[in-house]
Amino acid sequence: MKTASIPSLRVAPELRESAERVLRDGETLSSFVETAIRDEIHHRDSQAEFIRRGLAARDEADRTGEYFSADQVLAELDDIAQQNAKRRET
């Protein structure tokens, strides 16, 4: 697989010093930046998918006229959490 470069980035010296200060043993500034980019891409993809699902749910509710109150949703989430807690106990 061929690799590509990320454009170089000019930052304030304080930002570079802060980044270097938090590097873990054996971690390079380049690997730190690559990880940060990957994490942000994942975060933005997840956020976009969350919004897509929310808009689809809104459209489905508009289409069917079936809506749920916040109390109903929270009660169902509580039930799910309790079921998961019980499974972890066994």
N, C-alpha and C. Protein backbone atom coordinates (compact mmCIF):
# COMPACT_ATOMS: atom_id res chain seq x y z
N MET A 1 0.85 -1.17 0.00
CA MET A 1 0.00 0.00 0.00
C MET A 1 0.89 1.23 0.00
N LYS A 2 0.59 2.14 -0.90
CA LYS A 2 1.33 3.40 -0.92
C LYS A 2 0.83 4.29 0.21
N THR A 3 1.70 5.12 0.67
CA THR A 3 1.31 6.06 1.72
C THR A 3 1.20 7.46 1.13
N ALA A 4 0.53 8.32 1.88
CA ALA A 4 0.39 9.71 1.47
C ALA A 4 0.79 10.58 2.66
N SER A 5 1.03 11.84 2.39
CA SER A 5 1.44 12.76 3.44
C SER A 5 0.30 13.67 3.84
N ILE A 6 0.30 14.04 5.09
CA ILE A 6 -0.60 15.07 5.59
C ILE A 6 0.18 16.39 5.46
N PRO A 7 -0.47 17.45 5.02
CA PRO A 7 0.26 18.71 4.91
C PRO A 7 0.87 19.13 6.24
N SER A 8 2.05 19.73 6.15
CA SER A 8 2.68 20.20 7.39
C SER A 8 1.82 21.32 7.98
N LEU A 9 1.94 21.48 9.26
CA LEU A 9 1.06 22.38 9.98
C LEU A 9 1.90 23.29 10.86
N ARG A 10 1.69 24.59 10.72
CA ARG A 10 2.38 25.53 11.57
C ARG A 10 1.50 25.82 12.78
N VAL A 11 2.09 25.69 13.96
CA VAL A 11 1.35 25.91 15.20
C VAL A 11 2.18 26.79 16.13
N ALA A 12 1.51 27.33 17.12
CA ALA A 12 2.22 28.10 18.14
C ALA A 12 3.16 27.17 18.90
N PRO A 13 4.32 27.68 19.30
CA PRO A 13 5.27 26.84 20.04
C PRO A 13 4.65 26.20 21.27
N GLU A 14 3.72 26.90 21.92
CA GLU A 14 3.09 26.35 23.12
C GLU A 14 2.27 25.10 22.81
N LEU A 15 1.61 25.08 21.65
CA LEU A 15 0.83 23.91 21.27
C LEU A 15 1.75 22.72 21.03
N ARG A 16 2.85 22.94 20.34
CA ARG A 16 3.79 21.85 20.09
C ARG A 16 4.36 21.33 21.41
N GLU A 17 4.72 22.23 22.31
CA GLU A 17 5.25 21.83 23.62
C GLU A 17 4.21 21.03 24.40
N SER A 18 2.96 21.45 24.34
CA SER A 18 1.89 20.72 25.04
C SER A 18 1.74 19.31 24.46
N ALA A 19 1.79 19.21 23.14
CA ALA A 19 1.68 17.89 22.50
C ALA A 19 2.86 17.01 22.88
N GLU A 20 4.05 17.55 22.86
CA GLU A 20 5.23 16.76 23.21
C GLU A 20 5.20 16.34 24.67
N ARG A 21 4.64 17.18 25.53
CA ARG A 21 4.58 16.88 26.96
C ARG A 21 3.72 15.66 27.26
N VAL A 22 2.68 15.42 26.44
CA VAL A 22 1.76 14.31 26.73
C VAL A 22 2.08 13.04 25.94
N LEU A 23 3.16 13.05 25.18
CA LEU A 23 3.53 11.85 24.44
C LEU A 23 3.83 10.71 25.40
N ARG A 24 3.40 9.52 25.03
CA ARG A 24 3.67 8.32 25.83
C ARG A 24 5.04 7.75 25.44
N ASP A 25 5.55 6.86 26.25
CA ASP A 25 6.85 6.24 25.96
C ASP A 25 6.83 5.63 24.57
N GLY A 26 7.81 5.96 23.78
CA GLY A 26 7.95 5.41 22.44
C GLY A 26 7.05 6.06 21.40
N GLU A 27 6.19 6.96 21.81
CA GLU A 27 5.28 7.62 20.87
C GLU A 27 5.96 8.83 20.25
N THR A 28 5.79 8.99 18.96
CA THR A 28 6.35 10.15 18.28
C THR A 28 5.26 11.20 18.07
N LEU A 29 5.70 12.40 17.82
CA LEU A 29 4.74 13.46 17.54
C LEU A 29 3.93 13.11 16.29
N SER A 30 4.57 12.51 15.30
CA SER A 30 3.87 12.10 14.08
C SER A 30 2.79 11.06 14.38
N SER A 31 3.10 10.06 15.20
CA SER A 31 2.10 9.04 15.50
C SER A 31 0.97 9.62 16.35
N PHE A 32 1.30 10.58 17.22
CA PHE A 32 0.28 11.25 18.01
C PHE A 32 -0.68 12.01 17.10
N VAL A 33 -0.15 12.73 16.13
CA VAL A 33 -0.98 13.49 15.19
C VAL A 33 -1.83 12.53 14.35
N GLU A 34 -1.24 11.43 13.89
CA GLU A 34 -1.99 10.46 13.09
C GLU A 34 -3.15 9.88 13.90
N THR A 35 -2.88 9.53 15.15
CA THR A 35 -3.93 8.99 16.01
C THR A 35 -5.03 10.02 16.23
N ALA A 36 -4.65 11.27 16.46
CA ALA A 36 -5.64 12.34 16.66
C ALA A 36 -6.50 12.51 15.42
N ILE A 37 -5.91 12.44 14.25
CA ILE A 37 -6.67 12.56 13.00
C ILE A 37 -7.64 11.39 12.85
N ARG A 38 -7.14 10.17 13.09
CA ARG A 38 -8.01 8.99 12.99
C ARG A 38 -9.18 9.08 13.97
N ASP A 39 -8.89 9.50 15.21
CA ASP A 39 -9.94 9.62 16.23
C ASP A 39 -10.98 10.66 15.82
N GLU A 40 -10.54 11.78 15.29
CA GLU A 40 -11.48 12.83 14.89
C GLU A 40 -12.32 12.39 13.69
N ILE A 41 -11.72 11.66 12.76
CA ILE A 41 -12.47 11.13 11.62
C ILE A 41 -13.55 10.18 12.13
N HIS A 42 -13.18 9.29 13.05
CA HIS A 42 -14.15 8.35 13.62
C HIS A 42 -15.27 9.12 14.33
N HIS A 43 -14.90 10.12 15.11
CA HIS A 43 -15.89 10.91 15.84
C HIS A 43 -16.86 11.59 14.86
N ARG A 44 -16.33 12.19 13.83
CA ARG A 44 -17.20 12.89 12.87
C ARG A 44 -18.07 11.92 12.08
N ASP A 45 -17.53 10.76 11.71
CA ASP A 45 -18.34 9.75 11.04
C ASP A 45 -19.47 9.28 11.96
N SER A 46 -19.15 9.03 13.23
CA SER A 46 -20.16 8.60 14.19
C SER A 46 -21.22 9.67 14.38
N GLN A 47 -20.79 10.91 14.47
CA GLN A 47 -21.73 12.02 14.64
C GLN A 47 -22.65 12.14 13.43
N ALA A 48 -22.10 12.03 12.23
CA ALA A 48 -22.90 12.11 11.02
C ALA A 48 -23.92 10.96 10.96
N GLU A 49 -23.50 9.76 11.36
CA GLU A 49 -24.41 8.60 11.37
C GLU A 49 -25.52 8.80 12.41
N PHE A 50 -25.17 9.34 13.57
CA PHE A 50 -26.16 9.63 14.62
C PHE A 50 -27.21 10.61 14.08
N ILE A 51 -26.76 11.65 13.42
CA ILE A 51 -27.69 12.64 12.86
C ILE A 51 -28.54 12.00 11.77
N ARG A 52 -27.93 11.18 10.92
CA ARG A 52 -28.67 10.51 9.85
C ARG A 52 -29.78 9.65 10.44
N ARG A 53 -29.46 8.87 11.48
CA ARG A 53 -30.46 8.01 12.11
C ARG A 53 -31.56 8.84 12.77
N GLY A 54 -31.17 9.94 13.40
CA GLY A 54 -32.16 10.80 14.05
C GLY A 54 -33.13 11.41 13.04
N LEU A 55 -32.59 11.87 11.92
CA LEU A 55 -33.46 12.44 10.88
C LEU A 55 -34.36 11.36 10.27
N ALA A 56 -33.83 10.16 10.10
CA ALA A 56 -34.65 9.07 9.58
C ALA A 56 -35.76 8.71 10.56
N ALA A 57 -35.44 8.72 11.86
CA ALA A 57 -36.47 8.43 12.87
C ALA A 57 -37.53 9.52 12.87
N ARG A 58 -37.11 10.76 12.73
CA ARG A 58 -38.06 11.86 12.66
C ARG A 58 -38.99 11.70 11.47
N ASP A 59 -38.40 11.38 10.32
CA ASP A 59 -39.20 11.20 9.11
C ASP A 59 -40.17 10.03 9.26
N GLU A 60 -39.72 8.95 9.91
CA GLU A 60 -40.59 7.79 10.13
C GLU A 60 -41.74 8.16 11.07
N ALA A 61 -41.44 8.92 12.11
CA ALA A 61 -42.49 9.36 13.03
C ALA A 61 -43.49 10.26 12.31
N ASP A 62 -42.99 11.15 11.47
CA ASP A 62 -43.89 12.00 10.69
C ASP A 62 -44.78 11.16 9.77
N ARG A 63 -44.18 10.13 9.17
CA ARG A 63 -44.90 9.29 8.22
C ARG A 63 -45.98 8.47 8.92
N THR A 64 -45.62 7.89 10.08
CA THR A 64 -46.54 6.98 10.76
C THR A 64 -47.42 7.67 11.81
N GLY A 65 -47.00 8.83 12.26
CA GLY A 65 -47.72 9.51 13.32
C GLY A 65 -47.47 8.91 14.69
N GLU A 66 -46.50 7.99 14.79
CA GLU A 66 -46.19 7.32 16.06
C GLU A 66 -45.01 8.04 16.72
N TYR A 67 -45.28 8.61 17.87
CA TYR A 67 -44.27 9.35 18.62
C TYR A 67 -44.16 8.75 20.02
N PHE A 68 -43.03 8.95 20.66
CA PHE A 68 -42.80 8.46 22.02
C PHE A 68 -42.36 9.63 22.89
N SER A 69 -42.88 9.67 24.11
CA SER A 69 -42.50 10.73 25.04
C SER A 69 -41.10 10.46 25.58
N ALA A 70 -40.49 11.48 26.11
CA ALA A 70 -39.17 11.31 26.72
C ALA A 70 -39.25 10.31 27.87
N ASP A 71 -40.33 10.35 28.64
CA ASP A 71 -40.49 9.40 29.75
C ASP A 71 -40.54 7.96 29.26
N GLN A 72 -41.23 7.72 28.14
CA GLN A 72 -41.29 6.37 27.58
C GLN A 72 -39.89 5.90 27.15
N VAL A 73 -39.17 6.78 26.49
CA VAL A 73 -37.84 6.42 26.00
C VAL A 73 -36.91 6.16 27.18
N LEU A 74 -36.93 7.02 28.19
CA LEU A 74 -36.07 6.83 29.35
C LEU A 74 -36.41 5.56 30.11
N ALA A 75 -37.68 5.24 30.21
CA ALA A 75 -38.09 4.00 30.88
C ALA A 75 -37.56 2.79 30.13
N GLU A 76 -37.64 2.82 28.81
CA GLU A 76 -37.12 1.71 28.02
C GLU A 76 -35.60 1.60 28.16
N LEU A 77 -34.91 2.72 28.18
CA LEU A 77 -33.45 2.68 28.36
C LEU A 77 -33.09 2.15 29.75
N ASP A 78 -33.87 2.51 30.77
CA ASP A 78 -33.65 1.96 32.10
C ASP A 78 -33.82 0.45 32.10
N ASP A 79 -34.85 -0.04 31.42
CA ASP A 79 -35.07 -1.49 31.32
C ASP A 79 -33.87 -2.18 30.67
N ILE A 80 -33.38 -1.60 29.59
CA ILE A 80 -32.22 -2.18 28.89
C ILE A 80 -31.01 -2.20 29.82
N ALA A 81 -30.78 -1.11 30.54
CA ALA A 81 -29.64 -1.04 31.46
C ALA A 81 -29.76 -2.09 32.55
N GLN A 82 -30.97 -2.27 33.09
CA GLN A 82 -31.17 -3.27 34.13
C GLN A 82 -30.95 -4.69 33.60
N GLN A 83 -31.40 -4.96 32.39
CA GLN A 83 -31.18 -6.29 31.79
C GLN A 83 -29.69 -6.54 31.60
N ASN A 84 -28.97 -5.52 31.15
CA ASN A 84 -27.52 -5.68 30.96
C ASN A 84 -26.81 -5.90 32.29
N ALA A 85 -27.25 -5.19 33.33
CA ALA A 85 -26.65 -5.37 34.66
C ALA A 85 -26.89 -6.78 35.16
N LYS A 86 -28.08 -7.32 34.95
CA LYS A 86 -28.40 -8.68 35.38
C LYS A 86 -27.53 -9.70 34.65
N ARG A 87 -27.32 -9.47 33.35
CA ARG A 87 -26.48 -10.39 32.57
C ARG A 87 -25.05 -10.39 33.07
N ARG A 88 -24.56 -9.22 33.47
CA ARG A 88 -23.18 -9.13 33.97
C ARG A 88 -23.03 -9.84 35.31
N GLU A 89 -24.11 -9.90 36.09
CA GLU A 89 -24.06 -10.54 37.41
C GLU A 89 -23.98 -12.05 37.30
N THR A 90 -24.49 -12.62 36.21
CA THR A 90 -24.50 -14.08 36.09
C THR A 90 -23.27 -14.62 35.43
